[in-house]
Amino acid sequence: MSDAPTTDPCDACGEPTTDALARTVRLSVDRANIDTQRLCPDCFADWIERYQNRLGSGPDESDGSSEIIVD
C-alpha cells in the first residue's frame, strides 16, 4: 500500500488535485444519484458562487407555493 497522495483530476478543469483538497458535489433526486463531480478548491468556489446566484435566497417574492426543496 502506498502512502503517496492520490491526485485524480478535477472534473471541471482537469487539474490534478489531492484527495485532501478535493470536494465532491453530488446531485440526488429522491435518493437517486443523478450526478457526482470531484472539484478542486477553485472550481468548488466557482460552483458555490453559481449555486448561490441561481438558487440562493434573493428578494422574497414567492407566494409560498414552491415545490423545490433544497436540503
PDB file of N, CA and C in Angstrom:
ATOM      1  N   MET A   1       0.846  -1.166   0.000  1.00  0.00           N
ATOM      2  CA  MET A   1       0.000   0.000   0.000  1.00  0.00           C
ATOM      3  C   MET A   1       0.895   1.233   0.000  1.00  0.00           C
ATOM      4  N   SER A   2       0.583   2.198  -0.830  1.00  0.00           N
ATOM      5  CA  SER A   2       1.395   3.397  -0.970  1.00  0.00           C
ATOM      6  C   SER A   2       0.870   4.522  -0.085  1.00  0.00           C
ATOM      7  N   ASP A   3       1.809   5.316   0.446  1.00  0.00           N
ATOM      8  CA  ASP A   3       1.437   6.485   1.236  1.00  0.00           C
ATOM      9  C   ASP A   3       1.371   7.746   0.378  1.00  0.00           C
ATOM     10  N   ALA A   4       1.622   7.616  -0.918  1.00  0.00           N
ATOM     11  CA  ALA A   4       1.591   8.773  -1.808  1.00  0.00           C
ATOM     12  C   ALA A   4       0.157   9.282  -1.941  1.00  0.00           C
ATOM     13  N   PRO A   5      -0.014  10.605  -1.936  1.00  0.00           N
ATOM     14  CA  PRO A   5      -1.368  11.154  -2.056  1.00  0.00           C
ATOM     15  C   PRO A   5      -1.962  10.870  -3.433  1.00  0.00           C
ATOM     16  N   THR A   6      -3.254  10.620  -3.457  1.00  0.00           N
ATOM     17  CA  THR A   6      -3.964  10.406  -4.712  1.00  0.00           C
ATOM     18  C   THR A   6      -4.204  11.761  -5.358  1.00  0.00           C
ATOM     19  N   THR A   7      -3.881  11.882  -6.633  1.00  0.00           N
ATOM     20  CA  THR A   7      -4.070  13.147  -7.339  1.00  0.00           C
ATOM     21  C   THR A   7      -4.905  12.934  -8.588  1.00  0.00           C
ATOM     22  N   ASP A   8      -6.155  12.578  -8.410  1.00  0.00           N
ATOM     23  CA  ASP A   8      -7.066  12.439  -9.544  1.00  0.00           C
ATOM     24  C   ASP A   8      -7.407  13.829 -10.071  1.00  0.00           C
ATOM     25  N   PRO A   9      -7.797  13.928 -11.349  1.00  0.00           N
ATOM     26  CA  PRO A   9      -8.086  15.249 -11.910  1.00  0.00           C
ATOM     27  C   PRO A   9      -9.429  15.810 -11.437  1.00  0.00           C
ATOM     28  N   CYS A  10      -9.494  17.132 -11.435  1.00  0.00           N
ATOM     29  CA  CYS A  10     -10.742  17.844 -11.172  1.00  0.00           C
ATOM     30  C   CYS A  10     -11.659  17.603 -12.373  1.00  0.00           C
ATOM     31  N   ASP A  11     -12.935  17.322 -12.128  1.00  0.00           N
ATOM     32  CA  ASP A  11     -13.873  17.069 -13.224  1.00  0.00           C
ATOM     33  C   ASP A  11     -14.177  18.324 -14.037  1.00  0.00           C
ATOM     34  N   ALA A  12     -13.944  19.504 -13.479  1.00  0.00           N
ATOM     35  CA  ALA A  12     -14.250  20.743 -14.194  1.00  0.00           C
ATOM     36  C   ALA A  12     -13.071  21.240 -15.030  1.00  0.00           C
ATOM     37  N   CYS A  13     -11.880  21.331 -14.418  1.00  0.00           N
ATOM     38  CA  CYS A  13     -10.736  21.917 -15.131  1.00  0.00           C
ATOM     39  C   CYS A  13      -9.671  20.900 -15.528  1.00  0.00           C
ATOM     40  N   GLY A  14      -9.710  19.705 -14.942  1.00  0.00           N
ATOM     41  CA  GLY A  14      -8.750  18.668 -15.291  1.00  0.00           C
ATOM     42  C   GLY A  14      -7.438  18.714 -14.534  1.00  0.00           C
ATOM     43  N   GLU A  15      -7.256  19.709 -13.668  1.00  0.00           N
ATOM     44  CA  GLU A  15      -6.022  19.814 -12.893  1.00  0.00           C
ATOM     45  C   GLU A  15      -5.942  18.695 -11.861  1.00  0.00           C
ATOM     46  N   PRO A  16      -4.762  18.083 -11.692  1.00  0.00           N
ATOM     47  CA  PRO A  16      -4.613  17.068 -10.653  1.00  0.00           C
ATOM     48  C   PRO A  16      -4.843  17.692  -9.275  1.00  0.00           C
ATOM     49  N   THR A  17      -5.646  17.029  -8.454  1.00  0.00           N
ATOM     50  CA  THR A  17      -5.994  17.550  -7.132  1.00  0.00           C
ATOM     51  C   THR A  17      -5.914  16.422  -6.122  1.00  0.00           C
ATOM     52  N   THR A  18      -5.203  16.657  -5.022  1.00  0.00           N
ATOM     53  CA  THR A  18      -5.098  15.622  -3.991  1.00  0.00           C
ATOM     54  C   THR A  18      -6.451  15.419  -3.319  1.00  0.00           C
ATOM     55  N   ASP A  19      -6.652  14.224  -2.795  1.00  0.00           N
ATOM     56  CA  ASP A  19      -7.903  13.916  -2.105  1.00  0.00           C
ATOM     57  C   ASP A  19      -8.167  14.874  -0.952  1.00  0.00           C
ATOM     58  N   ALA A  20      -7.102  15.311  -0.273  1.00  0.00           N
ATOM     59  CA  ALA A  20      -7.271  16.201   0.881  1.00  0.00           C
ATOM     60  C   ALA A  20      -7.870  17.546   0.487  1.00  0.00           C
ATOM     61  N   LEU A  21      -7.626  17.999  -0.737  1.00  0.00           N
ATOM     62  CA  LEU A  21      -8.135  19.296  -1.188  1.00  0.00           C
ATOM     63  C   LEU A  21      -9.400  19.195  -2.025  1.00  0.00           C
ATOM     64  N   ALA A  22      -9.661  18.043  -2.597  1.00  0.00           N
ATOM     65  CA  ALA A  22     -10.805  17.879  -3.494  1.00  0.00           C
ATOM     66  C   ALA A  22     -12.120  17.903  -2.721  1.00  0.00           C
ATOM     67  N   ARG A  23     -13.158  18.399  -3.377  1.00  0.00           N
ATOM     68  CA  ARG A  23     -14.510  18.395  -2.827  1.00  0.00           C
ATOM     69  C   ARG A  23     -15.402  17.650  -3.800  1.00  0.00           C
ATOM     70  N   THR A  24     -16.330  16.892  -3.266  1.00  0.00           N
ATOM     71  CA  THR A  24     -17.256  16.134  -4.097  1.00  0.00           C
ATOM     72  C   THR A  24     -18.639  16.756  -3.997  1.00  0.00           C
ATOM     73  N   VAL A  25     -19.219  17.061  -5.156  1.00  0.00           N
ATOM     74  CA  VAL A  25     -20.567  17.617  -5.230  1.00  0.00           C
ATOM     75  C   VAL A  25     -21.456  16.532  -5.814  1.00  0.00           C
ATOM     76  N   ARG A  26     -22.535  16.203  -5.101  1.00  0.00           N
ATOM     77  CA  ARG A  26     -23.463  15.169  -5.563  1.00  0.00           C
ATOM     78  C   ARG A  26     -24.848  15.764  -5.739  1.00  0.00           C
ATOM     79  N   LEU A  27     -25.483  15.434  -6.849  1.00  0.00           N
ATOM     80  CA  LEU A  27     -26.862  15.831  -7.089  1.00  0.00           C
ATOM     81  C   LEU A  27     -27.714  14.582  -7.000  1.00  0.00           C
ATOM     82  N   SER A  28     -28.662  14.593  -6.078  1.00  0.00           N
ATOM     83  CA  SER A  28     -29.550  13.445  -5.881  1.00  0.00           C
ATOM     84  C   SER A  28     -30.990  13.914  -5.936  1.00  0.00           C
ATOM     85  N   VAL A  29     -31.835  13.098  -6.536  1.00  0.00           N
ATOM     86  CA  VAL A  29     -33.269  13.357  -6.572  1.00  0.00           C
ATOM     87  C   VAL A  29     -33.960  12.096  -6.095  1.00  0.00           C
ATOM     88  N   ASP A  30     -34.772  12.230  -5.068  1.00  0.00           N
ATOM     89  CA  ASP A  30     -35.472  11.083  -4.486  1.00  0.00           C
ATOM     90  C   ASP A  30     -34.502   9.939  -4.192  1.00  0.00           C
ATOM     91  N   ARG A  31     -33.380  10.288  -3.611  1.00  0.00           N
ATOM     92  CA  ARG A  31     -32.315   9.356  -3.211  1.00  0.00           C
ATOM     93  C   ARG A  31     -31.599   8.682  -4.378  1.00  0.00           C
ATOM     94  N   ALA A  32     -31.907   9.081  -5.605  1.00  0.00           N
ATOM     95  CA  ALA A  32     -31.209   8.544  -6.772  1.00  0.00           C
ATOM     96  C   ALA A  32     -30.080   9.505  -7.143  1.00  0.00           C
ATOM     97  N   ASN A  33     -28.859   8.979  -7.268  1.00  0.00           N
ATOM     98  CA  ASN A  33     -27.717   9.805  -7.626  1.00  0.00           C
ATOM     99  C   ASN A  33     -27.809  10.186  -9.100  1.00  0.00           C
ATOM    100  N   ILE A  34     -27.901  11.483  -9.373  1.00  0.00           N
ATOM    101  CA  ILE A  34     -28.008  11.980 -10.738  1.00  0.00           C
ATOM    102  C   ILE A  34     -26.638  12.346 -11.298  1.00  0.00           C
ATOM    103  N   ASP A  35     -25.811  13.001 -10.475  1.00  0.00           N
ATOM    104  CA  ASP A  35     -24.500  13.454 -10.934  1.00  0.00           C
ATOM    105  C   ASP A  35     -23.556  13.578  -9.742  1.00  0.00           C
ATOM    106  N   THR A  36     -22.296  13.274  -9.968  1.00  0.00           N
ATOM    107  CA  THR A  36     -21.257  13.452  -8.957  1.00  0.00           C
ATOM    108  C   THR A  36     -20.059  14.099  -9.637  1.00  0.00           C
ATOM    109  N   GLN A  37     -19.521  15.149  -9.014  1.00  0.00           N
ATOM    110  CA  GLN A  37     -18.358  15.839  -9.557  1.00  0.00           C
ATOM    111  C   GLN A  37     -17.291  15.977  -8.484  1.00  0.00           C
ATOM    112  N   ARG A  38     -16.049  15.702  -8.863  1.00  0.00           N
ATOM    113  CA  ARG A  38     -14.887  15.885  -7.979  1.00  0.00           C
ATOM    114  C   ARG A  38     -14.227  17.180  -8.410  1.00  0.00           C
ATOM    115  N   LEU A  39     -14.187  18.175  -7.502  1.00  0.00           N
ATOM    116  CA  LEU A  39     -13.728  19.502  -7.870  1.00  0.00           C
ATOM    117  C   LEU A  39     -12.533  19.955  -7.036  1.00  0.00           C
ATOM    118  N   CYS A  40     -11.629  20.703  -7.682  1.00  0.00           N
ATOM    119  CA  CYS A  40     -10.516  21.334  -6.974  1.00  0.00           C
ATOM    120  C   CYS A  40     -11.079  22.534  -6.198  1.00  0.00           C
ATOM    121  N   PRO A  41     -10.310  23.111  -5.278  1.00  0.00           N
ATOM    122  CA  PRO A  41     -10.826  24.232  -4.478  1.00  0.00           C
ATOM    123  C   PRO A  41     -11.334  25.415  -5.314  1.00  0.00           C
ATOM    124  N   ASP A  42     -10.624  25.784  -6.384  1.00  0.00           N
ATOM    125  CA  ASP A  42     -11.062  26.918  -7.208  1.00  0.00           C
ATOM    126  C   ASP A  42     -12.374  26.623  -7.926  1.00  0.00           C
ATOM    127  N   CYS A  43     -12.490  25.436  -8.506  1.00  0.00           N
ATOM    128  CA  CYS A  43     -13.722  25.068  -9.209  1.00  0.00           C
ATOM    129  C   CYS A  43     -14.879  24.902  -8.229  1.00  0.00           C
ATOM    130  N   PHE A  44     -14.593  24.416  -7.012  1.00  0.00           N
ATOM    131  CA  PHE A  44     -15.636  24.298  -5.995  1.00  0.00           C
ATOM    132  C   PHE A  44     -16.143  25.684  -5.605  1.00  0.00           C
ATOM    133  N   ALA A  45     -15.236  26.642  -5.447  1.00  0.00           N
ATOM    134  CA  ALA A  45     -15.645  28.015  -5.123  1.00  0.00           C
ATOM    135  C   ALA A  45     -16.513  28.593  -6.237  1.00  0.00           C
ATOM    136  N   ASP A  46     -16.143  28.327  -7.496  1.00  0.00           N
ATOM    137  CA  ASP A  46     -16.959  28.777  -8.628  1.00  0.00           C
ATOM    138  C   ASP A  46     -18.331  28.117  -8.605  1.00  0.00           C
ATOM    139  N   TRP A  47     -18.374  26.819  -8.277  1.00  0.00           N
ATOM    140  CA  TRP A  47     -19.640  26.084  -8.216  1.00  0.00           C
ATOM    141  C   TRP A  47     -20.546  26.676  -7.138  1.00  0.00           C
ATOM    142  N   ILE A  48     -19.975  26.973  -5.970  1.00  0.00           N
ATOM    143  CA  ILE A  48     -20.746  27.564  -4.869  1.00  0.00           C
ATOM    144  C   ILE A  48     -21.318  28.916  -5.298  1.00  0.00           C
ATOM    145  N   GLU A  49     -20.504  29.727  -5.964  1.00  0.00           N
ATOM    146  CA  GLU A  49     -20.971  31.041  -6.413  1.00  0.00           C
ATOM    147  C   GLU A  49     -22.125  30.902  -7.408  1.00  0.00           C
ATOM    148  N   ARG A  50     -21.990  29.977  -8.377  1.00  0.00           N
ATOM    149  CA  ARG A  50     -23.081  29.748  -9.338  1.00  0.00           C
ATOM    150  C   ARG A  50     -24.336  29.268  -8.625  1.00  0.00           C
ATOM    151  N   TYR A  51     -24.170  28.347  -7.667  1.00  0.00           N
ATOM    152  CA  TYR A  51     -25.311  27.824  -6.907  1.00  0.00           C
ATOM    153  C   TYR A  51     -26.023  28.957  -6.171  1.00  0.00           C
ATOM    154  N   GLN A  52     -25.259  29.798  -5.495  1.00  0.00           N
ATOM    155  CA  GLN A  52     -25.858  30.897  -4.740  1.00  0.00           C
ATOM    156  C   GLN A  52     -26.556  31.891  -5.661  1.00  0.00           C
ATOM    157  N   ASN A  53     -25.967  32.164  -6.829  1.00  0.00           N
ATOM    158  CA  ASN A  53     -26.581  33.098  -7.773  1.00  0.00           C
ATOM    159  C   ASN A  53     -27.871  32.545  -8.364  1.00  0.00           C
ATOM    160  N   ARG A  54     -27.906  31.259  -8.649  1.00  0.00           N
ATOM    161  CA  ARG A  54     -29.080  30.661  -9.296  1.00  0.00           C
ATOM    162  C   ARG A  54     -30.149  30.210  -8.317  1.00  0.00           C
ATOM    163  N   LEU A  55     -29.740  29.640  -7.193  1.00  0.00           N
ATOM    164  CA  LEU A  55     -30.707  29.045  -6.278  1.00  0.00           C
ATOM    165  C   LEU A  55     -30.720  29.675  -4.899  1.00  0.00           C
ATOM    166  N   GLY A  56     -29.797  30.581  -4.662  1.00  0.00           N
ATOM    167  CA  GLY A  56     -29.701  31.191  -3.344  1.00  0.00           C
ATOM    168  C   GLY A  56     -30.867  32.114  -3.057  1.00  0.00           C
ATOM    169  N   SER A  57     -30.916  32.570  -1.834  1.00  0.00           N
ATOM    170  CA  SER A  57     -32.013  33.445  -1.453  1.00  0.00           C
ATOM    171  C   SER A  57     -31.763  34.846  -1.981  1.00  0.00           C
ATOM    172  N   GLY A  58     -32.755  35.361  -2.629  1.00  0.00           N
ATOM    173  CA  GLY A  58     -32.748  36.734  -3.108  1.00  0.00           C
ATOM    174  C   GLY A  58     -33.930  37.416  -2.460  1.00  0.00           C
ATOM    175  N   PRO A  59     -34.422  38.449  -3.080  1.00  0.00           N
ATOM    176  CA  PRO A  59     -35.625  39.082  -2.543  1.00  0.00           C
ATOM    177  C   PRO A  59     -36.761  38.070  -2.461  1.00  0.00           C
ATOM    178  N   ASP A  60     -37.447  38.043  -1.339  1.00  0.00           N
ATOM    179  CA  ASP A  60     -38.512  37.062  -1.128  1.00  0.00           C
ATOM    180  C   ASP A  60     -39.777  37.504  -1.847  1.00  0.00           C
ATOM    181  N   GLU A  61     -39.960  36.979  -3.059  1.00  0.00           N
ATOM    182  CA  GLU A  61     -41.129  37.318  -3.858  1.00  0.00           C
ATOM    183  C   GLU A  61     -42.036  36.114  -4.040  1.00  0.00           C
ATOM    184  N   SER A  62     -41.777  35.039  -3.322  1.00  0.00           N
ATOM    185  CA  SER A  62     -42.568  33.829  -3.502  1.00  0.00           C
ATOM    186  C   SER A  62     -43.884  33.933  -2.756  1.00  0.00           C
ATOM    187  N   ASP A  63     -44.835  33.134  -3.207  1.00  0.00           N
ATOM    188  CA  ASP A  63     -46.138  33.100  -2.551  1.00  0.00           C
ATOM    189  C   ASP A  63     -46.259  31.900  -1.622  1.00  0.00           C
ATOM    190  N   GLY A  64     -45.127  31.201  -1.416  1.00  0.00           N
ATOM    191  CA  GLY A  64     -45.133  30.057  -0.513  1.00  0.00           C
ATOM    192  C   GLY A  64     -45.561  28.760  -1.163  1.00  0.00           C
ATOM    193  N   SER A  65     -45.768  28.768  -2.484  1.00  0.00           N
ATOM    194  CA  SER A  65     -46.238  27.554  -3.148  1.00  0.00           C
ATOM    195  C   SER A  65     -45.130  26.833  -3.901  1.00  0.00           C
ATOM    196  N   SER A  66     -43.888  27.112  -3.590  1.00  0.00           N
ATOM    197  CA  SER A  66     -42.762  26.492  -4.276  1.00  0.00           C
ATOM    198  C   SER A  66     -42.726  24.991  -4.012  1.00  0.00           C
ATOM    199  N   GLU A  67     -42.387  24.233  -5.043  1.00  0.00           N
ATOM    200  CA  GLU A  67     -42.276  22.783  -4.938  1.00  0.00           C
ATOM    201  C   GLU A  67     -40.823  22.339  -4.840  1.00  0.00           C
ATOM    202  N   ILE A  68     -39.878  23.274  -4.835  1.00  0.00           N
ATOM    203  CA  ILE A  68     -38.460  22.938  -4.787  1.00  0.00           C
ATOM    204  C   ILE A  68     -38.003  22.902  -3.337  1.00  0.00           C
ATOM    205  N   ILE A  69     -37.375  21.793  -2.951  1.00  0.00           N
ATOM    206  CA  ILE A  69     -36.854  21.638  -1.598  1.00  0.00           C
ATOM    207  C   ILE A  69     -35.346  21.471  -1.700  1.00  0.00           C
ATOM    208  N   VAL A  70     -34.593  22.333  -1.037  1.00  0.00           N
ATOM    209  CA  VAL A  70     -33.137  22.246  -1.021  1.00  0.00           C
ATOM    210  C   VAL A  70     -32.723  21.910   0.391  1.00  0.00           C
ATOM    211  N   ASP A  71     -32.021  20.765   0.548  1.00  0.00           N
ATOM    212  CA  ASP A  71     -31.550  20.414   1.894  1.00  0.00           C
ATOM    213  C   ASP A  71     -30.079  20.153   1.897  1.00  0.00           C
TER     214      ASP A  71
END
